[in-house]
């Protein structure tokens, strides 16, 4: 979803439809070596909040910054929980 959202933002579009799949992060299938720790639960809640902010049309923060904040939160979580996807996640950042 975030790759599609990034492309929309780069094209000058403002994303308007929050992907409901983001709400399923709390029940996402984790890698075999990971468990649903309190840290994972906390980051999951922050992730949903950050992603919802991307779609907040009332925000004073530029859309690029809101999107990069959400992606940055993904990176922060993965730095503590599962580092493998970090290089791919970093590619989502809008420069």
PDB file of N, CA and C in Angstrom:
ATOM      1  N   UNK A   1       0.817  -1.206   0.000  1.00  0.00           N
ATOM      2  CA  UNK A   1       0.000   0.000   0.000  1.00  0.00           C
ATOM      3  C   UNK A   1       0.858   1.266   0.000  1.00  0.00           C
ATOM      4  N   UNK A   2       1.931   1.243   0.787  1.00  0.00           N
ATOM      5  CA  UNK A   2       2.733   2.458   0.890  1.00  0.00           C
ATOM      6  C   UNK A   2       3.453   2.802  -0.408  1.00  0.00           C
ATOM      7  N   UNK A   3       3.793   1.814  -1.210  1.00  0.00           N
ATOM      8  CA  UNK A   3       4.406   2.112  -2.506  1.00  0.00           C
ATOM      9  C   UNK A   3       3.405   2.834  -3.406  1.00  0.00           C
ATOM     10  N   UNK A   4       2.170   2.388  -3.394  1.00  0.00           N
ATOM     11  CA  UNK A   4       1.109   3.048  -4.175  1.00  0.00           C
ATOM     12  C   UNK A   4       0.894   4.475  -3.672  1.00  0.00           C
ATOM     13  N   UNK A   5       0.869   4.641  -2.371  1.00  0.00           N
ATOM     14  CA  UNK A   5       0.674   5.966  -1.772  1.00  0.00           C
ATOM     15  C   UNK A   5       1.848   6.882  -2.144  1.00  0.00           C
ATOM     16  N   UNK A   6       3.064   6.347  -2.099  1.00  0.00           N
ATOM     17  CA  UNK A   6       4.242   7.137  -2.470  1.00  0.00           C
ATOM     18  C   UNK A   6       4.111   7.631  -3.908  1.00  0.00           C
ATOM     19  N   UNK A   7       3.728   6.730  -4.806  1.00  0.00           N
ATOM     20  CA  UNK A   7       3.586   7.111  -6.219  1.00  0.00           C
ATOM     21  C   UNK A   7       2.536   8.207  -6.398  1.00  0.00           C
ATOM     22  N   UNK A   8       1.442   8.108  -5.658  1.00  0.00           N
ATOM     23  CA  UNK A   8       0.399   9.138  -5.735  1.00  0.00           C
ATOM     24  C   UNK A   8       0.948  10.492  -5.285  1.00  0.00           C
ATOM     25  N   UNK A   9       1.663  10.492  -4.177  1.00  0.00           N
ATOM     26  CA  UNK A   9       2.206  11.741  -3.642  1.00  0.00           C
ATOM     27  C   UNK A   9       3.202  12.347  -4.628  1.00  0.00           C
ATOM     28  N   UNK A  10       4.084  11.534  -5.180  1.00  0.00           N
ATOM     29  CA  UNK A  10       5.071  12.021  -6.142  1.00  0.00           C
ATOM     30  C   UNK A  10       4.382  12.591  -7.385  1.00  0.00           C
ATOM     31  N   UNK A  11       3.252  12.003  -7.747  1.00  0.00           N
ATOM     32  CA  UNK A  11       2.491  12.481  -8.911  1.00  0.00           C
ATOM     33  C   UNK A  11       1.687  13.743  -8.592  1.00  0.00           C
ATOM     34  N   UNK A  12       1.784  14.224  -7.352  1.00  0.00           N
ATOM     35  CA  UNK A  12       1.076  15.435  -6.968  1.00  0.00           C
ATOM     36  C   UNK A  12      -0.337  15.189  -6.487  1.00  0.00           C
ATOM     37  N   UNK A  13      -0.691  13.938  -6.306  1.00  0.00           N
ATOM     38  CA  UNK A  13      -2.028  13.599  -5.812  1.00  0.00           C
ATOM     39  C   UNK A  13      -1.998  13.509  -4.285  1.00  0.00           C
ATOM     40  N   UNK A  14      -3.117  13.780  -3.696  1.00  0.00           N
ATOM     41  CA  UNK A  14      -3.267  13.635  -2.253  1.00  0.00           C
ATOM     42  C   UNK A  14      -4.088  12.364  -2.009  1.00  0.00           C
ATOM     43  N   UNK A  15      -3.490  11.362  -1.366  1.00  0.00           N
ATOM     44  CA  UNK A  15      -4.244  10.134  -1.113  1.00  0.00           C
ATOM     45  C   UNK A  15      -5.437  10.412  -0.203  1.00  0.00           C
ATOM     46  N   UNK A  16      -6.566   9.814  -0.533  1.00  0.00           N
ATOM     47  CA  UNK A  16      -7.787  10.097   0.228  1.00  0.00           C
ATOM     48  C   UNK A  16      -8.395   8.860   0.886  1.00  0.00           C
ATOM     49  N   UNK A  17      -8.019   7.670   0.431  1.00  0.00           N
ATOM     50  CA  UNK A  17      -8.655   6.461   0.955  1.00  0.00           C
ATOM     51  C   UNK A  17      -7.680   5.667   1.813  1.00  0.00           C
ATOM     52  N   UNK A  18      -7.904   5.690   3.119  1.00  0.00           N
ATOM     53  CA  UNK A  18      -7.070   4.959   4.067  1.00  0.00           C
ATOM     54  C   UNK A  18      -7.252   3.452   3.845  1.00  0.00           C
ATOM     55  N   UNK A  19      -6.158   2.722   3.570  1.00  0.00           N
ATOM     56  CA  UNK A  19      -6.270   1.273   3.364  1.00  0.00           C
ATOM     57  C   UNK A  19      -6.630   0.558   4.669  1.00  0.00           C
ATOM     58  N   UNK A  20      -7.762  -0.056   4.699  1.00  0.00           N
ATOM     59  CA  UNK A  20      -8.210  -0.746   5.918  1.00  0.00           C
ATOM     60  C   UNK A  20      -7.299  -1.906   6.279  1.00  0.00           C
ATOM     61  N   UNK A  21      -6.525  -2.404   5.320  1.00  0.00           N
ATOM     62  CA  UNK A  21      -5.569  -3.472   5.621  1.00  0.00           C
ATOM     63  C   UNK A  21      -4.581  -3.045   6.700  1.00  0.00           C
ATOM     64  N   UNK A  22      -4.300  -1.742   6.791  1.00  0.00           N
ATOM     65  CA  UNK A  22      -3.373  -1.260   7.812  1.00  0.00           C
ATOM     66  C   UNK A  22      -3.874  -1.601   9.218  1.00  0.00           C
ATOM     67  N   UNK A  23      -5.173  -1.695   9.392  1.00  0.00           N
ATOM     68  CA  UNK A  23      -5.737  -1.986  10.709  1.00  0.00           C
ATOM     69  C   UNK A  23      -5.476  -3.427  11.140  1.00  0.00           C
ATOM     70  N   UNK A  24      -5.059  -4.265  10.200  1.00  0.00           N
ATOM     71  CA  UNK A  24      -4.825  -5.675  10.508  1.00  0.00           C
ATOM     72  C   UNK A  24      -3.411  -5.939  11.019  1.00  0.00           C
ATOM     73  N   UNK A  25      -2.621  -4.910  11.194  1.00  0.00           N
ATOM     74  CA  UNK A  25      -1.241  -5.100  11.652  1.00  0.00           C
ATOM     75  C   UNK A  25      -1.177  -5.808  13.005  1.00  0.00           C
ATOM     76  N   UNK A  26      -2.162  -5.576  13.837  1.00  0.00           N
ATOM     77  CA  UNK A  26      -2.158  -6.195  15.170  1.00  0.00           C
ATOM     78  C   UNK A  26      -2.264  -7.710  15.096  1.00  0.00           C
ATOM     79  N   UNK A  27      -2.788  -8.228  13.989  1.00  0.00           N
ATOM     80  CA  UNK A  27      -2.952  -9.673  13.828  1.00  0.00           C
ATOM     81  C   UNK A  27      -2.097 -10.208  12.680  1.00  0.00           C
ATOM     82  N   UNK A  28      -1.176  -9.409  12.186  1.00  0.00           N
ATOM     83  CA  UNK A  28      -0.318  -9.827  11.068  1.00  0.00           C
ATOM     84  C   UNK A  28       0.496 -11.055  11.449  1.00  0.00           C
ATOM     85  N   UNK A  29       0.777 -11.876  10.439  1.00  0.00           N
ATOM     86  CA  UNK A  29       1.603 -13.047  10.667  1.00  0.00           C
ATOM     87  C   UNK A  29       3.055 -12.595  10.818  1.00  0.00           C
ATOM     88  N   UNK A  30       3.661 -12.989  11.920  1.00  0.00           N
ATOM     89  CA  UNK A  30       5.041 -12.599  12.201  1.00  0.00           C
ATOM     90  C   UNK A  30       5.996 -13.694  11.746  1.00  0.00           C
ATOM     91  N   UNK A  31       7.248 -13.333  11.553  1.00  0.00           N
ATOM     92  CA  UNK A  31       8.276 -14.325  11.248  1.00  0.00           C
ATOM     93  C   UNK A  31       8.313 -15.341  12.377  1.00  0.00           C
ATOM     94  N   UNK A  32       8.724 -16.554  12.051  1.00  0.00           N
ATOM     95  CA  UNK A  32       8.727 -17.642  13.040  1.00  0.00           C
ATOM     96  C   UNK A  32       9.497 -17.312  14.310  1.00  0.00           C
ATOM     97  N   UNK A  33      10.546 -16.516  14.188  1.00  0.00           N
ATOM     98  CA  UNK A  33      11.397 -16.250  15.337  1.00  0.00           C
ATOM     99  C   UNK A  33      10.905 -15.073  16.184  1.00  0.00           C
ATOM    100  N   UNK A  34       9.782 -14.461  15.821  1.00  0.00           N
ATOM    101  CA  UNK A  34       9.280 -13.303  16.557  1.00  0.00           C
ATOM    102  C   UNK A  34       7.989 -13.638  17.302  1.00  0.00           C
ATOM    103  N   UNK A  35       7.755 -12.900  18.352  1.00  0.00           N
ATOM    104  CA  UNK A  35       6.506 -13.062  19.103  1.00  0.00           C
ATOM    105  C   UNK A  35       5.843 -11.693  19.234  1.00  0.00           C
ATOM    106  N   UNK A  36       4.597 -11.692  19.597  1.00  0.00           N
ATOM    107  CA  UNK A  36       3.857 -10.442  19.783  1.00  0.00           C
ATOM    108  C   UNK A  36       4.201  -9.844  21.139  1.00  0.00           C
ATOM    109  N   UNK A  37       5.271  -9.118  21.167  1.00  0.00           N
ATOM    110  CA  UNK A  37       5.720  -8.499  22.413  1.00  0.00           C
ATOM    111  C   UNK A  37       4.930  -7.210  22.651  1.00  0.00           C
ATOM    112  N   UNK A  38       5.097  -6.668  23.838  1.00  0.00           N
ATOM    113  CA  UNK A  38       4.474  -5.377  24.148  1.00  0.00           C
ATOM    114  C   UNK A  38       5.020  -4.302  23.217  1.00  0.00           C
ATOM    115  N   UNK A  39       6.294  -4.414  22.876  1.00  0.00           N
ATOM    116  CA  UNK A  39       6.921  -3.454  21.966  1.00  0.00           C
ATOM    117  C   UNK A  39       6.244  -3.515  20.592  1.00  0.00           C
ATOM    118  N   UNK A  40       6.004  -4.735  20.095  1.00  0.00           N
ATOM    119  CA  UNK A  40       5.326  -4.887  18.805  1.00  0.00           C
ATOM    120  C   UNK A  40       3.931  -4.260  18.867  1.00  0.00           C
ATOM    121  N   UNK A  41       3.213  -4.520  19.939  1.00  0.00           N
ATOM    122  CA  UNK A  41       1.860  -3.973  20.085  1.00  0.00           C
ATOM    123  C   UNK A  41       1.899  -2.443  20.115  1.00  0.00           C
ATOM    124  N   UNK A  42       2.869  -1.889  20.813  1.00  0.00           N
ATOM    125  CA  UNK A  42       2.983  -0.425  20.891  1.00  0.00           C
ATOM    126  C   UNK A  42       3.297   0.164  19.520  1.00  0.00           C
ATOM    127  N   UNK A  43       4.272  -0.421  18.822  1.00  0.00           N
ATOM    128  CA  UNK A  43       4.607   0.074  17.493  1.00  0.00           C
ATOM    129  C   UNK A  43       3.436  -0.097  16.523  1.00  0.00           C
ATOM    130  N   UNK A  44       2.684  -1.178  16.666  1.00  0.00           N
ATOM    131  CA  UNK A  44       1.524  -1.401  15.797  1.00  0.00           C
ATOM    132  C   UNK A  44       0.507  -0.280  15.946  1.00  0.00           C
ATOM    133  N   UNK A  45       0.249   0.111  17.173  1.00  0.00           N
ATOM    134  CA  UNK A  45      -0.698   1.209  17.413  1.00  0.00           C
ATOM    135  C   UNK A  45      -0.167   2.521  16.849  1.00  0.00           C
ATOM    136  N   UNK A  46       1.122   2.778  17.040  1.00  0.00           N
ATOM    137  CA  UNK A  46       1.732   3.996  16.493  1.00  0.00           C
ATOM    138  C   UNK A  46       1.699   3.985  14.967  1.00  0.00           C
ATOM    139  N   UNK A  47       1.888   2.803  14.377  1.00  0.00           N
ATOM    140  CA  UNK A  47       1.845   2.660  12.925  1.00  0.00           C
ATOM    141  C   UNK A  47       0.476   3.073  12.386  1.00  0.00           C
ATOM    142  N   UNK A  48      -0.575   2.559  12.976  1.00  0.00           N
ATOM    143  CA  UNK A  48      -1.932   2.888  12.524  1.00  0.00           C
ATOM    144  C   UNK A  48      -2.173   4.393  12.652  1.00  0.00           C
ATOM    145  N   UNK A  49      -1.769   4.969  13.763  1.00  0.00           N
ATOM    146  CA  UNK A  49      -1.940   6.414  13.963  1.00  0.00           C
ATOM    147  C   UNK A  49      -1.175   7.206  12.906  1.00  0.00           C
ATOM    148  N   UNK A  50       0.081   6.822  12.654  1.00  0.00           N
ATOM    149  CA  UNK A  50       0.904   7.535  11.669  1.00  0.00           C
ATOM    150  C   UNK A  50       0.326   7.397  10.267  1.00  0.00           C
ATOM    151  N   UNK A  51      -0.159   6.214   9.927  1.00  0.00           N
ATOM    152  CA  UNK A  51      -0.743   6.010   8.597  1.00  0.00           C
ATOM    153  C   UNK A  51      -2.040   6.803   8.446  1.00  0.00           C
ATOM    154  N   UNK A  52      -2.839   6.862   9.487  1.00  0.00           N
ATOM    155  CA  UNK A  52      -4.066   7.663   9.423  1.00  0.00           C
ATOM    156  C   UNK A  52      -3.739   9.134   9.217  1.00  0.00           C
ATOM    157  N   UNK A  53      -2.635   9.591   9.795  1.00  0.00           N
ATOM    158  CA  UNK A  53      -2.236  10.991   9.660  1.00  0.00           C
ATOM    159  C   UNK A  53      -1.896  11.335   8.214  1.00  0.00           C
ATOM    160  N   UNK A  54      -1.399  10.368   7.456  1.00  0.00           N
ATOM    161  CA  UNK A  54      -1.118  10.600   6.034  1.00  0.00           C
ATOM    162  C   UNK A  54      -2.392  11.054   5.319  1.00  0.00           C
ATOM    163  N   UNK A  55      -3.516  10.549   5.742  1.00  0.00           N
ATOM    164  CA  UNK A  55      -4.802  10.837   5.102  1.00  0.00           C
ATOM    165  C   UNK A  55      -5.573  11.958   5.786  1.00  0.00           C
ATOM    166  N   UNK A  56      -4.950  12.629   6.742  1.00  0.00           N
ATOM    167  CA  UNK A  56      -5.595  13.711   7.478  1.00  0.00           C
ATOM    168  C   UNK A  56      -5.542  15.000   6.649  1.00  0.00           C
ATOM    169  N   UNK A  57      -6.629  15.302   6.013  1.00  0.00           N
ATOM    170  CA  UNK A  57      -6.677  16.489   5.145  1.00  0.00           C
ATOM    171  C   UNK A  57      -6.638  17.802   5.936  1.00  0.00           C
ATOM    172  N   UNK A  58      -6.818  17.749   7.235  1.00  0.00           N
ATOM    173  CA  UNK A  58      -6.796  18.942   8.079  1.00  0.00           C
ATOM    174  C   UNK A  58      -5.401  19.250   8.633  1.00  0.00           C
ATOM    175  N   UNK A  59      -4.444  18.367   8.370  1.00  0.00           N
ATOM    176  CA  UNK A  59      -3.096  18.532   8.917  1.00  0.00           C
ATOM    177  C   UNK A  59      -2.385  19.726   8.288  1.00  0.00           C
ATOM    178  N   UNK A  60      -1.606  20.416   9.095  1.00  0.00           N
ATOM    179  CA  UNK A  60      -0.785  21.520   8.612  1.00  0.00           C
ATOM    180  C   UNK A  60       0.574  21.038   8.101  1.00  0.00           C
ATOM    181  N   UNK A  61       0.897  19.785   8.380  1.00  0.00           N
ATOM    182  CA  UNK A  61       2.166  19.201   7.956  1.00  0.00           C
ATOM    183  C   UNK A  61       2.057  18.767   6.490  1.00  0.00           C
ATOM    184  N   UNK A  62       3.046  19.062   5.673  1.00  0.00           N
ATOM    185  CA  UNK A  62       2.998  18.656   4.264  1.00  0.00           C
ATOM    186  C   UNK A  62       2.841  17.138   4.119  1.00  0.00           C
ATOM    187  N   UNK A  63       2.154  16.715   3.076  1.00  0.00           N
ATOM    188  CA  UNK A  63       1.869  15.298   2.855  1.00  0.00           C
ATOM    189  C   UNK A  63       3.148  14.473   2.796  1.00  0.00           C
ATOM    190  N   UNK A  64       4.185  15.001   2.167  1.00  0.00           N
ATOM    191  CA  UNK A  64       5.458  14.279   2.073  1.00  0.00           C
ATOM    192  C   UNK A  64       6.007  13.995   3.469  1.00  0.00           C
ATOM    193  N   UNK A  65       5.938  14.980   4.356  1.00  0.00           N
ATOM    194  CA  UNK A  65       6.439  14.797   5.721  1.00  0.00           C
ATOM    195  C   UNK A  65       5.600  13.785   6.492  1.00  0.00           C
ATOM    196  N   UNK A  66       4.296  13.845   6.322  1.00  0.00           N
ATOM    197  CA  UNK A  66       3.418  12.878   7.010  1.00  0.00           C
ATOM    198  C   UNK A  66       3.713  11.458   6.541  1.00  0.00           C
ATOM    199  N   UNK A  67       3.897  11.312   5.228  1.00  0.00           N
ATOM    200  CA  UNK A  67       4.200   9.994   4.686  1.00  0.00           C
ATOM    201  C   UNK A  67       5.558   9.501   5.189  1.00  0.00           C
ATOM    202  N   UNK A  68       6.575  10.357   5.108  1.00  0.00           N
ATOM    203  CA  UNK A  68       7.902   9.959   5.576  1.00  0.00           C
ATOM    204  C   UNK A  68       7.912   9.653   7.071  1.00  0.00           C
ATOM    205  N   UNK A  69       7.096  10.347   7.844  1.00  0.00           N
ATOM    206  CA  UNK A  69       6.979  10.037   9.277  1.00  0.00           C
ATOM    207  C   UNK A  69       6.444   8.619   9.474  1.00  0.00           C
ATOM    208  N   UNK A  70       5.445   8.246   8.687  1.00  0.00           N
ATOM    209  CA  UNK A  70       4.879   6.899   8.797  1.00  0.00           C
ATOM    210  C   UNK A  70       5.919   5.853   8.408  1.00  0.00           C
ATOM    211  N   UNK A  71       6.641   6.096   7.326  1.00  0.00           N
ATOM    212  CA  UNK A  71       7.679   5.159   6.886  1.00  0.00           C
ATOM    213  C   UNK A  71       8.800   5.102   7.928  1.00  0.00           C
ATOM    214  N   UNK A  72       9.155   6.242   8.491  1.00  0.00           N
ATOM    215  CA  UNK A  72      10.178   6.278   9.538  1.00  0.00           C
ATOM    216  C   UNK A  72       9.785   5.453  10.747  1.00  0.00           C
ATOM    217  N   UNK A  73       8.511   5.441  11.064  1.00  0.00           N
ATOM    218  CA  UNK A  73       8.032   4.627  12.174  1.00  0.00           C
ATOM    219  C   UNK A  73       8.197   3.140  11.850  1.00  0.00           C
ATOM    220  N   UNK A  74       7.933   2.769  10.609  1.00  0.00           N
ATOM    221  CA  UNK A  74       8.150   1.373  10.184  1.00  0.00           C
ATOM    222  C   UNK A  74       9.615   0.996  10.395  1.00  0.00           C
ATOM    223  N   UNK A  75      10.501   1.885   9.984  1.00  0.00           N
ATOM    224  CA  UNK A  75      11.933   1.626  10.131  1.00  0.00           C
ATOM    225  C   UNK A  75      12.295   1.489  11.609  1.00  0.00           C
ATOM    226  N   UNK A  76      11.783   2.378  12.436  1.00  0.00           N
ATOM    227  CA  UNK A  76      12.074   2.327  13.876  1.00  0.00           C
ATOM    228  C   UNK A  76      11.648   1.002  14.492  1.00  0.00           C
ATOM    229  N   UNK A  77      10.473   0.551  14.129  1.00  0.00           N
ATOM    230  CA  UNK A  77       9.986  -0.722  14.659  1.00  0.00           C
ATOM    231  C   UNK A  77      10.877  -1.863  14.189  1.00  0.00           C
ATOM    232  N   UNK A  78      11.178  -1.869  12.906  1.00  0.00           N
ATOM    233  CA  UNK A  78      11.981  -2.962  12.366  1.00  0.00           C
ATOM    234  C   UNK A  78      13.407  -2.948  12.910  1.00  0.00           C
ATOM    235  N   UNK A  79      13.895  -1.825  13.375  1.00  0.00           N
ATOM    236  CA  UNK A  79      15.218  -1.781  13.990  1.00  0.00           C
ATOM    237  C   UNK A  79      15.229  -2.551  15.308  1.00  0.00           C
ATOM    238  N   UNK A  80      14.068  -2.684  15.928  1.00  0.00           N
ATOM    239  CA  UNK A  80      14.004  -3.386  17.202  1.00  0.00           C
ATOM    240  C   UNK A  80      13.405  -4.780  17.089  1.00  0.00           C
ATOM    241  N   UNK A  81      12.593  -5.013  16.085  1.00  0.00           N
ATOM    242  CA  UNK A  81      11.849  -6.269  16.020  1.00  0.00           C
ATOM    243  C   UNK A  81      12.304  -7.232  14.921  1.00  0.00           C
ATOM    244  N   UNK A  82      12.606  -6.731  13.724  1.00  0.00           N
ATOM    245  CA  UNK A  82      12.923  -7.611  12.598  1.00  0.00           C
ATOM    246  C   UNK A  82      13.638  -6.763  11.548  1.00  0.00           C
ATOM    247  N   UNK A  83      14.965  -6.835  11.511  1.00  0.00           N
ATOM    248  CA  UNK A  83      15.745  -5.898  10.717  1.00  0.00           C
ATOM    249  C   UNK A  83      15.784  -6.193   9.218  1.00  0.00           C
ATOM    250  N   UNK A  84      15.434  -7.387   8.803  1.00  0.00           N
ATOM    251  CA  UNK A  84      15.559  -7.800   7.408  1.00  0.00           C
ATOM    252  C   UNK A  84      14.987  -6.855   6.372  1.00  0.00           C
ATOM    253  N   UNK A  85      13.752  -6.366   6.538  1.00  0.00           N
ATOM    254  CA  UNK A  85      13.139  -5.533   5.493  1.00  0.00           C
ATOM    255  C   UNK A  85      13.552  -4.067   5.482  1.00  0.00           C
ATOM    256  N   UNK A  86      14.426  -3.639   6.363  1.00  0.00           N
ATOM    257  CA  UNK A  86      14.751  -2.211   6.465  1.00  0.00           C
ATOM    258  C   UNK A  86      15.230  -1.612   5.135  1.00  0.00           C
ATOM    259  N   UNK A  87      16.145  -2.246   4.388  1.00  0.00           N
ATOM    260  CA  UNK A  87      16.563  -1.632   3.122  1.00  0.00           C
ATOM    261  C   UNK A  87      15.391  -1.391   2.158  1.00  0.00           C
ATOM    262  N   UNK A  88      14.464  -2.311   2.111  1.00  0.00           N
ATOM    263  CA  UNK A  88      13.291  -2.156   1.242  1.00  0.00           C
ATOM    264  C   UNK A  88      12.379  -1.043   1.747  1.00  0.00           C
ATOM    265  N   UNK A  89      12.199  -0.968   3.051  1.00  0.00           N
ATOM    266  CA  UNK A  89      11.348   0.068   3.638  1.00  0.00           C
ATOM    267  C   UNK A  89      11.944   1.444   3.371  1.00  0.00           C
ATOM    268  N   UNK A  90      13.267   1.578   3.488  1.00  0.00           N
ATOM    269  CA  UNK A  90      13.915   2.873   3.257  1.00  0.00           C
ATOM    270  C   UNK A  90      13.670   3.395   1.859  1.00  0.00           C
ATOM    271  N   UNK A  91      13.478   2.493   0.902  1.00  0.00           N
ATOM    272  CA  UNK A  91      13.210   2.906  -0.481  1.00  0.00           C
ATOM    273  C   UNK A  91      11.860   3.611  -0.611  1.00  0.00           C
ATOM    274  N   UNK A  92      11.002   3.456   0.382  1.00  0.00           N
ATOM    275  CA  UNK A  92       9.696   4.122   0.363  1.00  0.00           C
ATOM    276  C   UNK A  92       9.793   5.611   0.692  1.00  0.00           C
ATOM    277  N   UNK A  93      10.843   6.007   1.379  1.00  0.00           N
ATOM    278  CA  UNK A  93      10.984   7.416   1.755  1.00  0.00           C
ATOM    279  C   UNK A  93      10.999   8.311   0.515  1.00  0.00           C
ATOM    280  N   UNK A  94      10.318   9.429   0.621  1.00  0.00           N
ATOM    281  CA  UNK A  94      10.282  10.401  -0.468  1.00  0.00           C
ATOM    282  C   UNK A  94      11.385  11.415  -0.191  1.00  0.00           C
ATOM    283  N   UNK A  95      12.290  11.557  -1.115  1.00  0.00           N
ATOM    284  CA  UNK A  95      13.432  12.465  -0.929  1.00  0.00           C
ATOM    285  C   UNK A  95      13.059  13.867  -1.340  1.00  0.00           C
TER     286      UNK A  95
END
